[in-house]
C-alpha atoms as a PDB file:
ATOM      1  CA  MET A   1       3.227 -96.168  33.240  1.00  0.00           C
ATOM      2  CA  LEU A   2       4.619 -93.457  35.762  1.00  0.00           C
ATOM      3  CA  ARG A   3       7.681 -91.399  35.583  1.00  0.00           C
ATOM      4  CA  GLU A   4      10.433 -91.578  37.951  1.00  0.00           C
ATOM      5  CA  ASP A   5       9.902 -88.005  38.907  1.00  0.00           C
ATOM      6  CA  ALA A   6       6.003 -88.618  39.815  1.00  0.00           C
ATOM      7  CA  LEU A   7       6.974 -91.528  41.878  1.00  0.00           C
ATOM      8  CA  ARG A   8       9.574 -89.607  43.883  1.00  0.00           C
ATOM      9  CA  ASP A   9       7.559 -86.265  43.930  1.00  0.00           C
ATOM     10  CA  PRO A  10       3.915 -87.356  43.923  1.00  0.00           C
ATOM     11  CA  VAL A  11       2.840 -83.483  43.952  1.00  0.00           C
ATOM     12  CA  ARG A  12       4.739 -81.349  41.403  1.00  0.00           C
ATOM     13  CA  GLY A  13       4.290 -77.776  40.117  1.00  0.00           C
ATOM     14  CA  LEU A  14       5.752 -74.771  38.352  1.00  0.00           C
ATOM     15  CA  MET A  15       6.172 -71.364  40.216  1.00  0.00           C
ATOM     16  CA  MET A  16       6.499 -68.166  38.246  1.00  0.00           C
ATOM     17  CA  ILE A  17       8.209 -65.602  40.059  1.00  0.00           C
ATOM     18  CA  ALA A  18       8.462 -61.841  39.507  1.00  0.00           C
ATOM     19  CA  ILE A  19      11.420 -60.017  41.094  1.00  0.00           C
ATOM     20  CA  GLU A  20      12.054 -56.471  42.032  1.00  0.00           C
ATOM     21  CA  GLY A  21      14.753 -54.391  40.422  1.00  0.00           C
ATOM     22  CA  ARG A  22      17.806 -56.249  39.953  1.00  0.00           C
ATOM     23  CA  GLY A  23      17.413 -58.857  42.674  1.00  0.00           C
ATOM     24  CA  THR A  24      17.238 -62.140  40.497  1.00  0.00           C
ATOM     25  CA  GLU A  25      20.768 -63.262  41.217  1.00  0.00           C
ATOM     26  CA  ARG A  26      20.156 -62.823  44.923  1.00  0.00           C
ATOM     27  CA  ILE A  27      16.787 -64.777  45.049  1.00  0.00           C
ATOM     28  CA  ILE A  28      18.165 -67.612  42.856  1.00  0.00           C
ATOM     29  CA  ARG A  29      21.320 -68.004  45.398  1.00  0.00           C
ATOM     30  CA  GLN A  30      18.257 -68.005  47.966  1.00  0.00           C
ATOM     31  CA  LEU A  31      16.341 -70.652  46.186  1.00  0.00           C
ATOM     32  CA  GLN A  32      19.322 -73.281  45.789  1.00  0.00           C
ATOM     33  CA  GLY A  33      19.082 -74.023  49.423  1.00  0.00           C
ATOM     34  CA  MET A  34      15.487 -75.384  49.189  1.00  0.00           C
ATOM     35  CA  THR A  35      15.088 -78.838  48.844  1.00  0.00           C
ATOM     36  CA  GLU A  36      11.638 -79.228  47.442  1.00  0.00           C
ATOM     37  CA  LEU A  37      12.967 -77.111  44.258  1.00  0.00           C
ATOM     38  CA  ARG A  38      13.803 -79.521  41.148  1.00  0.00           C
ATOM     39  CA  SER A  39      14.999 -77.007  38.863  1.00  0.00           C
ATOM     40  CA  VAL A  40      15.254 -73.178  38.479  1.00  0.00           C
ATOM     41  CA  HIS A  41      15.034 -71.303  35.267  1.00  0.00           C
ATOM     42  CA  SER A  42      15.586 -67.993  33.992  1.00  0.00           C
ATOM     43  CA  THR A  43      12.969 -66.830  31.523  1.00  0.00           C
ATOM     44  CA  ASN A  44      11.591 -63.754  29.521  1.00  0.00           C
ATOM     45  CA  GLY A  45       8.627 -61.784  29.565  1.00  0.00           C
ATOM     46  CA  ARG A  46       6.341 -61.246  32.794  1.00  0.00           C
ATOM     47  CA  TRP A  47       8.166 -63.574  34.945  1.00  0.00           C
ATOM     48  CA  ASP A  48      11.868 -63.577  35.882  1.00  0.00           C
ATOM     49  CA  VAL A  49      12.208 -67.086  37.190  1.00  0.00           C
ATOM     50  CA  ILE A  50      10.299 -70.257  36.975  1.00  0.00           C
ATOM     51  CA  VAL A  51      10.775 -73.157  39.501  1.00  0.00           C
ATOM     52  CA  GLU A  52       9.805 -76.628  39.338  1.00  0.00           C
ATOM     53  CA  ILE A  53       8.814 -77.934  42.585  1.00  0.00           C
ATOM     54  CA  GLY A  54       8.450 -81.574  43.917  1.00  0.00           C
ATOM     55  CA  ALA A  55       7.137 -82.879  47.211  1.00  0.00           C
ATOM     56  CA  GLU A  56       5.385 -85.766  48.874  1.00  0.00           C
ATOM     57  CA  THR A  57       2.317 -83.686  50.082  1.00  0.00           C
ATOM     58  CA  LEU A  58       0.409 -80.475  49.247  1.00  0.00           C
ATOM     59  CA  ASP A  59       1.258 -79.341  52.843  1.00  0.00           C
ATOM     60  CA  ALA A  60       4.986 -79.583  51.814  1.00  0.00           C
ATOM     61  CA  VAL A  61       4.365 -77.595  48.574  1.00  0.00           C
ATOM     62  CA  ASP A  62       2.237 -75.111  50.644  1.00  0.00           C
ATOM     63  CA  ALA A  63       5.290 -74.434  53.002  1.00  0.00           C
ATOM     64  CA  VAL A  64       7.828 -73.783  50.028  1.00  0.00           C
ATOM     65  CA  LEU A  65       5.328 -71.329  48.325  1.00  0.00           C
ATOM     66  CA  PHE A  66       5.281 -69.682  51.554  1.00  0.00           C
ATOM     67  CA  ARG A  67       8.648 -69.438  51.983  1.00  0.00           C
ATOM     68  CA  ILE A  68       9.400 -68.333  48.632  1.00  0.00           C
ATOM     69  CA  ARG A  69       6.709 -65.626  48.763  1.00  0.00           C
ATOM     70  CA  ARG A  70       8.298 -64.251  52.044  1.00  0.00           C
ATOM     71  CA  LEU A  71      11.591 -63.668  50.176  1.00  0.00           C
ATOM     72  CA  ASP A  72      12.554 -59.991  50.131  1.00  0.00           C
ATOM     73  CA  GLY A  73      12.244 -58.987  46.359  1.00  0.00           C
ATOM     74  CA  VAL A  74       9.540 -61.372  45.511  1.00  0.00           C
ATOM     75  CA  VAL A  75       6.631 -59.059  44.224  1.00  0.00           C
ATOM     76  CA  ALA A  76       4.429 -61.775  42.499  1.00  0.00           C
ATOM     77  CA  SER A  77       4.342 -65.180  41.942  1.00  0.00           C
ATOM     78  CA  GLU A  78       1.843 -67.880  40.062  1.00  0.00           C
ATOM     79  CA  THR A  79       1.875 -71.297  40.662  1.00  0.00           C
ATOM     80  CA  SER A  80       0.313 -74.435  38.740  1.00  0.00           C
ATOM     81  CA  LEU A  81       0.161 -77.788  39.943  1.00  0.00           C
ATOM     82  CA  LEU A  82       1.246 -80.562  37.438  1.00  0.00           C
ATOM     83  CA  LEU A  83      -1.955 -83.123  37.272  1.00  0.00           C
ATOM     84  CA  SER A  84      -0.715 -85.299  34.764  1.00  0.00           C
ATOM     85  CA  THR A  85       2.273 -85.881  32.271  1.00  0.00           C
ATOM     86  CA  ARG A  86       0.521 -86.176  28.746  1.00  0.00           C
ATOM     87  CA  LEU A  87       3.907 -86.221  26.813  1.00  0.00           C
ATOM     88  CA  SER A  88       7.481 -86.490  27.868  1.00  0.00           C
ATOM     89  CA  VAL A  89      10.729 -86.974  25.378  1.00  0.00           C
END
């Protein structure tokens, strides 16, 4: 059985973002306008923000990753594509 989000967004991923200095609130405001983002999470540890991405194609995901990496203040990122959902509650 396929989950509704997998049907809507065949290509999904998580992008962890490191932000320079105190720019997190500004970056989050800029992320809010990106239609490919399904959620934006603050976090602790190495990464400042984690975003859930959903799109129809790998090219669309690549384009949004490129846009996010170019935001002033984004100093590092790491992205993992979600291959399958093993458990969802």
